[in-house]
Amino acid sequence: MEDAPSSGVNVPTELKAPVGPTDKVTLLLKATGNAPLMKKKTWSVSRTQTIGWVVKFFRDYLQCAPNESLFIYVNQCFAPSMDTEVGTLYDCYSTEGKLVLHYCKTQAWG
């Protein structure tokens, strides 16, 4: 038995609108306490990247020594777990199209 088509119009794949959120989110990083300032404060990263990846990337960018810590906080409130995806935090805590992350070398909040 053959399935009947759901509609009489076939839409080419390239003309269909994308479904779901975009693949990238915008991060706004703000220095807190004794953290060094970054020249570039706004970054676009994949929604599927984890906070652990973000911490490693910015530790390398800031040239942190192996024994230095780097703490990341969402909206000056809490430190997300390292396995949390950036897209999940963006969906819950973004403001004006950006996820605001504060970074510091010593524990500041939470």
PDB file of N, CA and C in Angstrom:
ATOM      1  N   MET A   1       0.839  -1.166   0.000  1.00  0.00           N
ATOM      2  CA  MET A   1       0.000   0.000   0.000  1.00  0.00           C
ATOM      3  C   MET A   1       0.890   1.236   0.000  1.00  0.00           C
ATOM      4  N   GLU A   2       0.604   2.156  -0.887  1.00  0.00           N
ATOM      5  CA  GLU A   2       1.416   3.365  -0.996  1.00  0.00           C
ATOM      6  C   GLU A   2       0.852   4.471  -0.120  1.00  0.00           C
ATOM      7  N   ASP A   3       1.768   5.292   0.443  1.00  0.00           N
ATOM      8  CA  ASP A   3       1.338   6.437   1.243  1.00  0.00           C
ATOM      9  C   ASP A   3       0.938   7.568   0.317  1.00  0.00           C
ATOM     10  N   ALA A   4      -0.150   8.212   0.644  1.00  0.00           N
ATOM     11  CA  ALA A   4      -0.594   9.366  -0.138  1.00  0.00           C
ATOM     12  C   ALA A   4       0.234  10.577   0.262  1.00  0.00           C
ATOM     13  N   PRO A   5       0.596  11.438  -0.700  1.00  0.00           N
ATOM     14  CA  PRO A   5       1.358  12.629  -0.347  1.00  0.00           C
ATOM     15  C   PRO A   5       0.529  13.540   0.544  1.00  0.00           C
ATOM     16  N   SER A   6       1.201  14.215   1.485  1.00  0.00           N
ATOM     17  CA  SER A   6       0.501  15.073   2.439  1.00  0.00           C
ATOM     18  C   SER A   6       0.022  16.361   1.797  1.00  0.00           C
ATOM     19  N   SER A   7       0.701  16.834   0.760  1.00  0.00           N
ATOM     20  CA  SER A   7       0.251  18.018   0.028  1.00  0.00           C
ATOM     21  C   SER A   7       0.635  17.844  -1.429  1.00  0.00           C
ATOM     22  N   GLY A   8      -0.031  18.583  -2.274  1.00  0.00           N
ATOM     23  CA  GLY A   8       0.231  18.465  -3.692  1.00  0.00           C
ATOM     24  C   GLY A   8       1.420  19.276  -4.162  1.00  0.00           C
ATOM     25  N   VAL A   9       2.032  20.085  -3.279  1.00  0.00           N
ATOM     26  CA  VAL A   9       3.120  20.973  -3.676  1.00  0.00           C
ATOM     27  C   VAL A   9       4.428  20.463  -3.084  1.00  0.00           C
ATOM     28  N   ASN A  10       5.409  20.272  -3.931  1.00  0.00           N
ATOM     29  CA  ASN A  10       6.742  19.905  -3.462  1.00  0.00           C
ATOM     30  C   ASN A  10       7.609  21.150  -3.420  1.00  0.00           C
ATOM     31  N   VAL A  11       8.136  21.465  -2.250  1.00  0.00           N
ATOM     32  CA  VAL A  11       8.989  22.640  -2.087  1.00  0.00           C
ATOM     33  C   VAL A  11      10.435  22.177  -2.131  1.00  0.00           C
ATOM     34  N   PRO A  12      11.248  22.745  -3.034  1.00  0.00           N
ATOM     35  CA  PRO A  12      12.660  22.367  -3.072  1.00  0.00           C
ATOM     36  C   PRO A  12      13.323  22.620  -1.720  1.00  0.00           C
ATOM     37  N   THR A  13      14.244  21.742  -1.354  1.00  0.00           N
ATOM     38  CA  THR A  13      14.918  21.838  -0.067  1.00  0.00           C
ATOM     39  C   THR A  13      15.592  23.183   0.130  1.00  0.00           C
ATOM     40  N   GLU A  14      16.216  23.730  -0.904  1.00  0.00           N
ATOM     41  CA  GLU A  14      16.948  24.979  -0.760  1.00  0.00           C
ATOM     42  C   GLU A  14      16.044  26.180  -0.511  1.00  0.00           C
ATOM     43  N   LEU A  15      14.726  26.048  -0.732  1.00  0.00           N
ATOM     44  CA  LEU A  15      13.797  27.154  -0.508  1.00  0.00           C
ATOM     45  C   LEU A  15      13.105  27.082   0.848  1.00  0.00           C
ATOM     46  N   LYS A  16      13.268  25.999   1.573  1.00  0.00           N
ATOM     47  CA  LYS A  16      12.618  25.859   2.866  1.00  0.00           C
ATOM     48  C   LYS A  16      13.321  26.737   3.901  1.00  0.00           C
ATOM     49  N   ALA A  17      12.545  27.342   4.761  1.00  0.00           N
ATOM     50  CA  ALA A  17      13.106  28.172   5.833  1.00  0.00           C
ATOM     51  C   ALA A  17      13.776  27.276   6.860  1.00  0.00           C
ATOM     52  N   PRO A  18      14.880  27.731   7.433  1.00  0.00           N
ATOM     53  CA  PRO A  18      15.540  26.929   8.456  1.00  0.00           C
ATOM     54  C   PRO A  18      14.635  26.786   9.675  1.00  0.00           C
ATOM     55  N   VAL A  19      14.687  25.628  10.284  1.00  0.00           N
ATOM     56  CA  VAL A  19      13.877  25.357  11.464  1.00  0.00           C
ATOM     57  C   VAL A  19      14.781  25.394  12.685  1.00  0.00           C
ATOM     58  N   GLY A  20      14.341  26.045  13.761  1.00  0.00           N
ATOM     59  CA  GLY A  20      15.096  26.063  15.006  1.00  0.00           C
ATOM     60  C   GLY A  20      16.006  27.264  15.112  1.00  0.00           C
ATOM     61  N   PRO A  21      16.717  27.351  16.239  1.00  0.00           N
ATOM     62  CA  PRO A  21      17.589  28.495  16.492  1.00  0.00           C
ATOM     63  C   PRO A  21      18.842  28.472  15.622  1.00  0.00           C
ATOM     64  N   THR A  22      19.526  29.602  15.566  1.00  0.00           N
ATOM     65  CA  THR A  22      20.759  29.675  14.787  1.00  0.00           C
ATOM     66  C   THR A  22      21.834  28.820  15.436  1.00  0.00           C
ATOM     67  N   ASP A  23      22.871  28.533  14.685  1.00  0.00           N
ATOM     68  CA  ASP A  23      23.935  27.671  15.178  1.00  0.00           C
ATOM     69  C   ASP A  23      24.906  28.391  16.104  1.00  0.00           C
ATOM     70  N   LYS A  24      24.919  29.715  16.079  1.00  0.00           N
ATOM     71  CA  LYS A  24      25.877  30.486  16.884  1.00  0.00           C
ATOM     72  C   LYS A  24      25.140  31.371  17.874  1.00  0.00           C
ATOM     73  N   VAL A  25      25.801  31.630  19.000  1.00  0.00           N
ATOM     74  CA  VAL A  25      25.292  32.583  19.986  1.00  0.00           C
ATOM     75  C   VAL A  25      26.384  33.603  20.258  1.00  0.00           C
ATOM     76  N   THR A  26      25.984  34.772  20.717  1.00  0.00           N
ATOM     77  CA  THR A  26      26.932  35.838  21.007  1.00  0.00           C
ATOM     78  C   THR A  26      27.197  35.885  22.501  1.00  0.00           C
ATOM     79  N   LEU A  27      28.480  35.860  22.855  1.00  0.00           N
ATOM     80  CA  LEU A  27      28.901  35.990  24.244  1.00  0.00           C
ATOM     81  C   LEU A  27      29.484  37.374  24.449  1.00  0.00           C
ATOM     82  N   LEU A  28      29.139  38.011  25.556  1.00  0.00           N
ATOM     83  CA  LEU A  28      29.737  39.277  25.955  1.00  0.00           C
ATOM     84  C   LEU A  28      30.502  39.001  27.230  1.00  0.00           C
ATOM     85  N   LEU A  29      31.833  39.098  27.170  1.00  0.00           N
ATOM     86  CA  LEU A  29      32.662  38.811  28.332  1.00  0.00           C
ATOM     87  C   LEU A  29      33.075  40.091  29.029  1.00  0.00           C
ATOM     88  N   LYS A  30      32.910  40.096  30.342  1.00  0.00           N
ATOM     89  CA  LYS A  30      33.251  41.261  31.154  1.00  0.00           C
ATOM     90  C   LYS A  30      34.216  40.835  32.244  1.00  0.00           C
ATOM     91  N   ALA A  31      35.302  41.589  32.376  1.00  0.00           N
ATOM     92  CA  ALA A  31      36.303  41.304  33.401  1.00  0.00           C
ATOM     93  C   ALA A  31      35.768  41.699  34.774  1.00  0.00           C
ATOM     94  N   THR A  32      36.129  40.918  35.774  1.00  0.00           N
ATOM     95  CA  THR A  32      35.742  41.185  37.155  1.00  0.00           C
ATOM     96  C   THR A  32      36.974  41.029  38.036  1.00  0.00           C
ATOM     97  N   GLY A  33      37.083  41.881  39.042  1.00  0.00           N
ATOM     98  CA  GLY A  33      38.193  41.770  39.988  1.00  0.00           C
ATOM     99  C   GLY A  33      39.532  41.990  39.317  1.00  0.00           C
ATOM    100  N   ASN A  34      40.436  41.053  39.538  1.00  0.00           N
ATOM    101  CA  ASN A  34      41.806  41.199  39.040  1.00  0.00           C
ATOM    102  C   ASN A  34      42.032  40.575  37.662  1.00  0.00           C
ATOM    103  N   ALA A  35      40.980  40.251  36.952  1.00  0.00           N
ATOM    104  CA  ALA A  35      41.124  39.617  35.634  1.00  0.00           C
ATOM    105  C   ALA A  35      41.632  40.625  34.610  1.00  0.00           C
ATOM    106  N   PRO A  36      42.510  40.187  33.717  1.00  0.00           N
ATOM    107  CA  PRO A  36      42.989  41.093  32.663  1.00  0.00           C
ATOM    108  C   PRO A  36      41.865  41.430  31.687  1.00  0.00           C
ATOM    109  N   LEU A  37      41.907  42.631  31.155  1.00  0.00           N
ATOM    110  CA  LEU A  37      40.900  43.073  30.191  1.00  0.00           C
ATOM    111  C   LEU A  37      41.193  42.479  28.820  1.00  0.00           C
ATOM    112  N   MET A  38      40.142  42.175  28.091  1.00  0.00           N
ATOM    113  CA  MET A  38      40.274  41.690  26.717  1.00  0.00           C
ATOM    114  C   MET A  38      39.990  42.844  25.768  1.00  0.00           C
ATOM    115  N   LYS A  39      40.756  42.918  24.693  1.00  0.00           N
ATOM    116  CA  LYS A  39      40.476  43.933  23.676  1.00  0.00           C
ATOM    117  C   LYS A  39      39.174  43.613  22.963  1.00  0.00           C
ATOM    118  N   LYS A  40      38.955  42.341  22.686  1.00  0.00           N
ATOM    119  CA  LYS A  40      37.717  41.898  22.043  1.00  0.00           C
ATOM    120  C   LYS A  40      36.809  41.349  23.140  1.00  0.00           C
ATOM    121  N   LYS A  41      35.640  41.931  23.293  1.00  0.00           N
ATOM    122  CA  LYS A  41      34.732  41.526  24.360  1.00  0.00           C
ATOM    123  C   LYS A  41      33.562  40.674  23.871  1.00  0.00           C
ATOM    124  N   THR A  42      33.239  40.756  22.589  1.00  0.00           N
ATOM    125  CA  THR A  42      32.099  40.029  22.036  1.00  0.00           C
ATOM    126  C   THR A  42      32.601  38.896  21.146  1.00  0.00           C
ATOM    127  N   TRP A  43      32.086  37.702  21.373  1.00  0.00           N
ATOM    128  CA  TRP A  43      32.511  36.513  20.645  1.00  0.00           C
ATOM    129  C   TRP A  43      31.285  35.736  20.192  1.00  0.00           C
ATOM    130  N   SER A  44      31.380  35.093  19.044  1.00  0.00           N
ATOM    131  CA  SER A  44      30.331  34.189  18.565  1.00  0.00           C
ATOM    132  C   SER A  44      30.853  32.768  18.651  1.00  0.00           C
ATOM    133  N   VAL A  45      30.086  31.911  19.306  1.00  0.00           N
ATOM    134  CA  VAL A  45      30.484  30.510  19.452  1.00  0.00           C
ATOM    135  C   VAL A  45      29.299  29.616  19.115  1.00  0.00           C
ATOM    136  N   SER A  46      29.592  28.389  18.816  1.00  0.00           N
ATOM    137  CA  SER A  46      28.560  27.408  18.505  1.00  0.00           C
ATOM    138  C   SER A  46      27.698  27.144  19.737  1.00  0.00           C
ATOM    139  N   ARG A  47      26.411  26.939  19.512  1.00  0.00           N
ATOM    140  CA  ARG A  47      25.481  26.648  20.610  1.00  0.00           C
ATOM    141  C   ARG A  47      25.858  25.372  21.346  1.00  0.00           C
ATOM    142  N   THR A  48      26.520  24.448  20.660  1.00  0.00           N
ATOM    143  CA  THR A  48      26.820  23.154  21.262  1.00  0.00           C
ATOM    144  C   THR A  48      28.126  23.134  22.048  1.00  0.00           C
ATOM    145  N   GLN A  49      28.881  24.222  22.014  1.00  0.00           N
ATOM    146  CA  GLN A  49      30.115  24.278  22.812  1.00  0.00           C
ATOM    147  C   GLN A  49      29.746  24.289  24.291  1.00  0.00           C
ATOM    148  N   THR A  50      30.602  23.694  25.102  1.00  0.00           N
ATOM    149  CA  THR A  50      30.350  23.653  26.542  1.00  0.00           C
ATOM    150  C   THR A  50      31.084  24.794  27.241  1.00  0.00           C
ATOM    151  N   ILE A  51      30.684  25.061  28.469  1.00  0.00           N
ATOM    152  CA  ILE A  51      31.371  26.073  29.269  1.00  0.00           C
ATOM    153  C   ILE A  51      32.819  25.650  29.499  1.00  0.00           C
ATOM    154  N   GLY A  52      33.081  24.364  29.622  1.00  0.00           N
ATOM    155  CA  GLY A  52      34.457  23.879  29.750  1.00  0.00           C
ATOM    156  C   GLY A  52      35.306  24.288  28.562  1.00  0.00           C
ATOM    157  N   TRP A  53      34.745  24.179  27.358  1.00  0.00           N
ATOM    158  CA  TRP A  53      35.460  24.613  26.155  1.00  0.00           C
ATOM    159  C   TRP A  53      35.695  26.117  26.193  1.00  0.00           C
ATOM    160  N   VAL A  54      34.680  26.891  26.620  1.00  0.00           N
ATOM    161  CA  VAL A  54      34.808  28.351  26.706  1.00  0.00           C
ATOM    162  C   VAL A  54      35.926  28.726  27.677  1.00  0.00           C
ATOM    163  N   VAL A  55      35.961  28.078  28.837  1.00  0.00           N
ATOM    164  CA  VAL A  55      37.006  28.364  29.831  1.00  0.00           C
ATOM    165  C   VAL A  55      38.378  28.059  29.254  1.00  0.00           C
ATOM    166  N   LYS A  56      38.529  26.897  28.606  1.00  0.00           N
ATOM    167  CA  LYS A  56      39.832  26.543  28.024  1.00  0.00           C
ATOM    168  C   LYS A  56      40.246  27.549  26.953  1.00  0.00           C
ATOM    169  N   PHE A  57      39.305  27.933  26.082  1.00  0.00           N
ATOM    170  CA  PHE A  57      39.602  28.890  25.019  1.00  0.00           C
ATOM    171  C   PHE A  57      40.080  30.218  25.605  1.00  0.00           C
ATOM    172  N   PHE A  58      39.366  30.740  26.606  1.00  0.00           N
ATOM    173  CA  PHE A  58      39.737  32.038  27.163  1.00  0.00           C
ATOM    174  C   PHE A  58      40.965  31.960  28.057  1.00  0.00           C
ATOM    175  N   ARG A  59      41.230  30.809  28.672  1.00  0.00           N
ATOM    176  CA  ARG A  59      42.501  30.641  29.404  1.00  0.00           C
ATOM    177  C   ARG A  59      43.666  30.762  28.420  1.00  0.00           C
ATOM    178  N   ASP A  60      43.537  30.138  27.262  1.00  0.00           N
ATOM    179  CA  ASP A  60      44.578  30.235  26.236  1.00  0.00           C
ATOM    180  C   ASP A  60      44.678  31.659  25.695  1.00  0.00           C
ATOM    181  N   TYR A  61      43.536  32.300  25.442  1.00  0.00           N
ATOM    182  CA  TYR A  61      43.516  33.661  24.904  1.00  0.00           C
ATOM    183  C   TYR A  61      44.171  34.646  25.876  1.00  0.00           C
ATOM    184  N   LEU A  62      43.899  34.476  27.171  1.00  0.00           N
ATOM    185  CA  LEU A  62      44.460  35.367  28.197  1.00  0.00           C
ATOM    186  C   LEU A  62      45.857  34.948  28.642  1.00  0.00           C
ATOM    187  N   GLN A  63      46.346  33.846  28.094  1.00  0.00           N
ATOM    188  CA  GLN A  63      47.670  33.318  28.412  1.00  0.00           C
ATOM    189  C   GLN A  63      47.825  33.077  29.914  1.00  0.00           C
ATOM    190  N   CYS A  64      46.841  32.400  30.494  1.00  0.00           N
ATOM    191  CA  CYS A  64      46.891  32.057  31.914  1.00  0.00           C
ATOM    192  C   CYS A  64      47.944  30.982  32.142  1.00  0.00           C
ATOM    193  N   ALA A  65      48.635  31.100  33.253  1.00  0.00           N
ATOM    194  CA  ALA A  65      49.604  30.076  33.638  1.00  0.00           C
ATOM    195  C   ALA A  65      48.841  28.798  34.005  1.00  0.00           C
ATOM    196  N   PRO A  66      49.486  27.634  33.895  1.00  0.00           N
ATOM    197  CA  PRO A  66      48.795  26.376  34.203  1.00  0.00           C
ATOM    198  C   PRO A  66      48.220  26.322  35.622  1.00  0.00           C
ATOM    199  N   ASN A  67      48.842  27.042  36.549  1.00  0.00           N
ATOM    200  CA  ASN A  67      48.366  27.006  37.937  1.00  0.00           C
ATOM    201  C   ASN A  67      47.333  28.097  38.247  1.00  0.00           C
ATOM    202  N   GLU A  68      46.972  28.931  37.265  1.00  0.00           N
ATOM    203  CA  GLU A  68      45.983  29.989  37.473  1.00  0.00           C
ATOM    204  C   GLU A  68      44.577  29.485  37.154  1.00  0.00           C
ATOM    205  N   SER A  69      43.631  29.917  37.954  1.00  0.00           N
ATOM    206  CA  SER A  69      42.229  29.565  37.723  1.00  0.00           C
ATOM    207  C   SER A  69      41.549  30.653  36.908  1.00  0.00           C
ATOM    208  N   LEU A  70      40.484  30.283  36.236  1.00  0.00           N
ATOM    209  CA  LEU A  70      39.641  31.249  35.542  1.00  0.00           C
ATOM    210  C   LEU A  70      38.197  30.854  35.832  1.00  0.00           C
ATOM    211  N   PHE A  71      37.486  31.740  36.505  1.00  0.00           N
ATOM    212  CA  PHE A  71      36.101  31.495  36.879  1.00  0.00           C
ATOM    213  C   PHE A  71      35.178  32.227  35.916  1.00  0.00           C
ATOM    214  N   ILE A  72      34.095  31.563  35.529  1.00  0.00           N
ATOM    215  CA  ILE A  72      33.093  32.145  34.634  1.00  0.00           C
ATOM    216  C   ILE A  72      31.765  32.183  35.385  1.00  0.00           C
ATOM    217  N   TYR A  73      31.104  33.340  35.328  1.00  0.00           N
ATOM    218  CA  TYR A  73      29.808  33.515  35.981  1.00  0.00           C
ATOM    219  C   TYR A  73      28.787  34.033  34.975  1.00  0.00           C
ATOM    220  N   VAL A  74      27.565  33.558  35.101  1.00  0.00           N
ATOM    221  CA  VAL A  74      26.465  34.014  34.256  1.00  0.00           C
ATOM    222  C   VAL A  74      25.739  35.131  34.992  1.00  0.00           C
ATOM    223  N   ASN A  75      25.690  36.316  34.374  1.00  0.00           N
ATOM    224  CA  ASN A  75      24.972  37.471  34.919  1.00  0.00           C
ATOM    225  C   ASN A  75      25.327  37.783  36.375  1.00  0.00           C
ATOM    226  N   GLN A  76      26.558  37.638  36.760  1.00  0.00           N
ATOM    227  CA  GLN A  76      27.042  37.919  38.116  1.00  0.00           C
ATOM    228  C   GLN A  76      26.322  37.092  39.174  1.00  0.00           C
ATOM    229  N   CYS A  77      25.790  35.946  38.802  1.00  0.00           N
ATOM    230  CA  CYS A  77      24.985  35.168  39.747  1.00  0.00           C
ATOM    231  C   CYS A  77      25.574  33.811  40.105  1.00  0.00           C
ATOM    232  N   PHE A  78      25.862  32.999  39.102  1.00  0.00           N
ATOM    233  CA  PHE A  78      26.272  31.629  39.390  1.00  0.00           C
ATOM    234  C   PHE A  78      27.303  31.155  38.380  1.00  0.00           C
ATOM    235  N   ALA A  79      28.063  30.165  38.811  1.00  0.00           N
ATOM    236  CA  ALA A  79      29.056  29.539  37.936  1.00  0.00           C
ATOM    237  C   ALA A  79      28.422  28.278  37.346  1.00  0.00           C
ATOM    238  N   PRO A  80      28.233  28.237  36.035  1.00  0.00           N
ATOM    239  CA  PRO A  80      27.630  27.048  35.427  1.00  0.00           C
ATOM    240  C   PRO A  80      28.602  25.872  35.457  1.00  0.00           C
ATOM    241  N   SER A  81      28.065  24.663  35.404  1.00  0.00           N
ATOM    242  CA  SER A  81      28.932  23.488  35.368  1.00  0.00           C
ATOM    243  C   SER A  81      29.649  23.425  34.023  1.00  0.00           C
ATOM    244  N   MET A  82      30.785  22.767  34.015  1.00  0.00           N
ATOM    245  CA  MET A  82      31.647  22.735  32.832  1.00  0.00           C
ATOM    246  C   MET A  82      31.010  22.001  31.654  1.00  0.00           C
ATOM    247  N   ASP A  83      30.057  21.117  31.912  1.00  0.00           N
ATOM    248  CA  ASP A  83      29.447  20.370  30.806  1.00  0.00           C
ATOM    249  C   ASP A  83      28.166  21.018  30.270  1.00  0.00           C
ATOM    250  N   THR A  84      27.813  22.201  30.766  1.00  0.00           N
ATOM    251  CA  THR A  84      26.626  22.912  30.288  1.00  0.00           C
ATOM    252  C   THR A  84      26.887  23.498  28.907  1.00  0.00           C
ATOM    253  N   GLU A  85      25.951  23.300  27.988  1.00  0.00           N
ATOM    254  CA  GLU A  85      26.102  23.859  26.641  1.00  0.00           C
ATOM    255  C   GLU A  85      25.770  25.346  26.648  1.00  0.00           C
ATOM    256  N   VAL A  86      26.533  26.106  25.878  1.00  0.00           N
ATOM    257  CA  VAL A  86      26.352  27.552  25.784  1.00  0.00           C
ATOM    258  C   VAL A  86      24.944  27.883  25.289  1.00  0.00           C
ATOM    259  N   GLY A  87      24.422  27.116  24.357  1.00  0.00           N
ATOM    260  CA  GLY A  87      23.088  27.364  23.821  1.00  0.00           C
ATOM    261  C   GLY A  87      22.000  27.272  24.876  1.00  0.00           C
ATOM    262  N   THR A  88      22.141  26.343  25.811  1.00  0.00           N
ATOM    263  CA  THR A  88      21.173  26.212  26.898  1.00  0.00           C
ATOM    264  C   THR A  88      21.185  27.451  27.782  1.00  0.00           C
ATOM    265  N   LEU A  89      22.380  27.924  28.144  1.00  0.00           N
ATOM    266  CA  LEU A  89      22.491  29.139  28.957  1.00  0.00           C
ATOM    267  C   LEU A  89      21.955  30.347  28.203  1.00  0.00           C
ATOM    268  N   TYR A  90      22.254  30.415  26.911  1.00  0.00           N
ATOM    269  CA  TYR A  90      21.775  31.522  26.087  1.00  0.00           C
ATOM    270  C   TYR A  90      20.246  31.559  26.066  1.00  0.00           C
ATOM    271  N   ASP A  91      19.624  30.412  25.877  1.00  0.00           N
ATOM    272  CA  ASP A  91      18.161  30.351  25.827  1.00  0.00           C
ATOM    273  C   ASP A  91      17.522  30.821  27.130  1.00  0.00           C
ATOM    274  N   CYS A  92      18.174  30.557  28.254  1.00  0.00           N
ATOM    275  CA  CYS A  92      17.595  30.892  29.558  1.00  0.00           C
ATOM    276  C   CYS A  92      17.998  32.273  30.078  1.00  0.00           C
ATOM    277  N   TYR A  93      19.218  32.739  29.778  1.00  0.00           N
ATOM    278  CA  TYR A  93      19.757  33.920  30.454  1.00  0.00           C
ATOM    279  C   TYR A  93      20.236  35.044  29.536  1.00  0.00           C
ATOM    280  N   SER A  94      20.018  34.948  28.248  1.00  0.00           N
ATOM    281  CA  SER A  94      20.513  36.008  27.363  1.00  0.00           C
ATOM    282  C   SER A  94      19.685  37.277  27.529  1.00  0.00           C
ATOM    283  N   THR A  95      20.355  38.417  27.340  1.00  0.00           N
ATOM    284  CA  THR A  95      19.680  39.709  27.350  1.00  0.00           C
ATOM    285  C   THR A  95      20.151  40.491  26.137  1.00  0.00           C
ATOM    286  N   GLU A  96      19.208  41.089  25.432  1.00  0.00           N
ATOM    287  CA  GLU A  96      19.499  41.875  24.237  1.00  0.00           C
ATOM    288  C   GLU A  96      20.328  41.093  23.215  1.00  0.00           C
ATOM    289  N   GLY A  97      20.047  39.798  23.089  1.00  0.00           N
ATOM    290  CA  GLY A  97      20.711  38.969  22.096  1.00  0.00           C
ATOM    291  C   GLY A  97      22.116  38.527  22.451  1.00  0.00           C
ATOM    292  N   LYS A  98      22.524  38.702  23.719  1.00  0.00           N
ATOM    293  CA  LYS A  98      23.870  38.305  24.146  1.00  0.00           C
ATOM    294  C   LYS A  98      23.799  37.579  25.479  1.00  0.00           C
ATOM    295  N   LEU A  99      24.673  36.601  25.640  1.00  0.00           N
ATOM    296  CA  LEU A  99      24.843  35.942  26.926  1.00  0.00           C
ATOM    297  C   LEU A  99      26.006  36.628  27.627  1.00  0.00           C
ATOM    298  N   VAL A 100      25.726  37.276  28.752  1.00  0.00           N
ATOM    299  CA  VAL A 100      26.754  38.022  29.474  1.00  0.00           C
ATOM    300  C   VAL A 100      27.462  37.075  30.433  1.00  0.00           C
ATOM    301  N   LEU A 101      28.779  36.938  30.244  1.00  0.00           N
ATOM    302  CA  LEU A 101      29.612  36.118  31.115  1.00  0.00           C
ATOM    303  C   LEU A 101      30.657  37.010  31.763  1.00  0.00           C
ATOM    304  N   HIS A 102      30.764  36.931  33.076  1.00  0.00           N
ATOM    305  CA  HIS A 102      31.811  37.649  33.803  1.00  0.00           C
ATOM    306  C   HIS A 102      32.923  36.646  34.086  1.00  0.00           C
ATOM    307  N   TYR A 103      34.154  37.085  33.954  1.00  0.00           N
ATOM    308  CA  TYR A 103      35.282  36.190  34.204  1.00  0.00           C
ATOM    309  C   TYR A 103      36.238  36.837  35.199  1.00  0.00           C
ATOM    310  N   CYS A 104      36.868  36.007  36.005  1.00  0.00           N
ATOM    311  CA  CYS A 104      37.846  36.503  36.974  1.00  0.00           C
ATOM    312  C   CYS A 104      38.798  35.372  37.346  1.00  0.00           C
ATOM    313  N   LYS A 105      39.889  35.736  37.973  1.00  0.00           N
ATOM    314  CA  LYS A 105      40.903  34.750  38.350  1.00  0.00           C
ATOM    315  C   LYS A 105      40.741  34.271  39.785  1.00  0.00           C
ATOM    316  N   THR A 106      39.925  34.962  40.571  1.00  0.00           N
ATOM    317  CA  THR A 106      39.604  34.514  41.924  1.00  0.00           C
ATOM    318  C   THR A 106      38.093  34.410  42.039  1.00  0.00           C
ATOM    319  N   GLN A 107      37.633  33.543  42.907  1.00  0.00           N
ATOM    320  CA  GLN A 107      36.194  33.329  43.036  1.00  0.00           C
ATOM    321  C   GLN A 107      35.511  34.614  43.491  1.00  0.00           C
ATOM    322  N   ALA A 108      34.444  35.013  42.800  1.00  0.00           N
ATOM    323  CA  ALA A 108      33.789  36.283  43.097  1.00  0.00           C
ATOM    324  C   ALA A 108      32.367  36.101  43.623  1.00  0.00           C
ATOM    325  N   TRP A 109      31.572  35.276  42.981  1.00  0.00           N
ATOM    326  CA  TRP A 109      30.187  35.050  43.402  1.00  0.00           C
ATOM    327  C   TRP A 109      29.958  33.563  43.554  1.00  0.00           C
ATOM    328  N   GLY A 110      28.893  33.223  44.247  1.00  0.00           N
ATOM    329  CA  GLY A 110      28.465  31.829  44.360  1.00  0.00           C
ATOM    330  C   GLY A 110      29.346  31.045  45.234  1.00  0.00           C
TER     331      GLY A 110
END
